[in-house]
């Protein structure tokens, strides 16, 4: 996995931490949300590329 990609398990853990307020600062949450956002975009881009013909 590249630095941008995130496993489903990691993504779920991040969302659970956010929902449970299990973070120490706004900067920490911003970092996790940025990482999650990039991972979702990378996954969506890969899915789109796979669906395009040849």
Protein backbone atom coordinates (compact mmCIF):
# COMPACT_ATOMS: atom_id res chain seq x y z
CA UNK A 1 0.00 0.00 0.00
CA UNK A 2 1.29 3.45 -0.82
CA UNK A 3 1.49 6.26 1.73
CA UNK A 4 -1.86 7.58 0.49
CA UNK A 5 -3.76 4.31 0.49
CA UNK A 6 -5.50 3.08 3.61
CA UNK A 7 -6.96 -0.31 4.40
CA UNK A 8 -10.66 -0.58 5.16
CA UNK A 9 -9.77 -1.60 8.72
CA UNK A 10 -7.62 1.52 9.18
CA UNK A 11 -10.35 3.75 7.72
CA UNK A 12 -12.97 2.28 10.04
CA UNK A 13 -10.65 2.76 13.02
CA UNK A 14 -10.10 6.42 12.08
CA UNK A 15 -13.83 7.08 11.77
CA UNK A 16 -14.48 5.34 15.10
CA UNK A 17 -11.79 7.45 16.84
CA UNK A 18 -13.29 10.61 15.39
CA UNK A 19 -16.81 9.65 16.44
CA UNK A 20 -15.63 8.76 19.96
CA UNK A 21 -13.60 11.96 20.20
CA UNK A 22 -10.48 9.80 20.62
CA UNK A 23 -8.03 12.42 19.42
CA UNK A 24 -5.80 14.89 21.20
CA UNK A 25 -6.07 18.02 19.07
CA UNK A 26 -7.75 19.65 16.11
CA UNK A 27 -4.48 19.26 14.18
CA UNK A 28 -4.59 15.50 14.77
CA UNK A 29 -8.16 15.23 13.52
CA UNK A 30 -7.33 17.40 10.49
CA UNK A 31 -4.46 15.08 9.66
CA UNK A 32 -6.61 11.98 9.93
CA UNK A 33 -9.38 13.52 7.83
CA UNK A 34 -6.89 14.59 5.15
CA UNK A 35 -5.43 11.08 5.05
CA UNK A 36 -8.90 9.53 4.84
CA UNK A 37 -9.91 11.97 2.09
CA UNK A 38 -6.82 11.17 0.00
CA UNK A 39 -7.36 7.42 0.44
CA UNK A 40 -10.98 7.69 -0.71
CA UNK A 41 -9.95 9.71 -3.77
CA UNK A 42 -7.22 7.22 -4.67
CA UNK A 43 -9.68 4.32 -4.36
CA UNK A 44 -12.31 6.09 -6.46
CA UNK A 45 -9.73 6.96 -9.12
CA UNK A 46 -8.53 3.35 -9.28
CA UNK A 47 -12.09 2.06 -9.59
CA UNK A 48 -12.84 4.53 -12.38
CA UNK A 49 -9.68 3.57 -14.29
CA UNK A 50 -10.58 -0.11 -14.03
CA UNK A 51 -14.05 0.53 -15.41
CA UNK A 52 -12.82 2.38 -18.52
CA UNK A 53 -12.34 0.38 -21.71
CA UNK A 54 -8.81 -0.49 -22.81
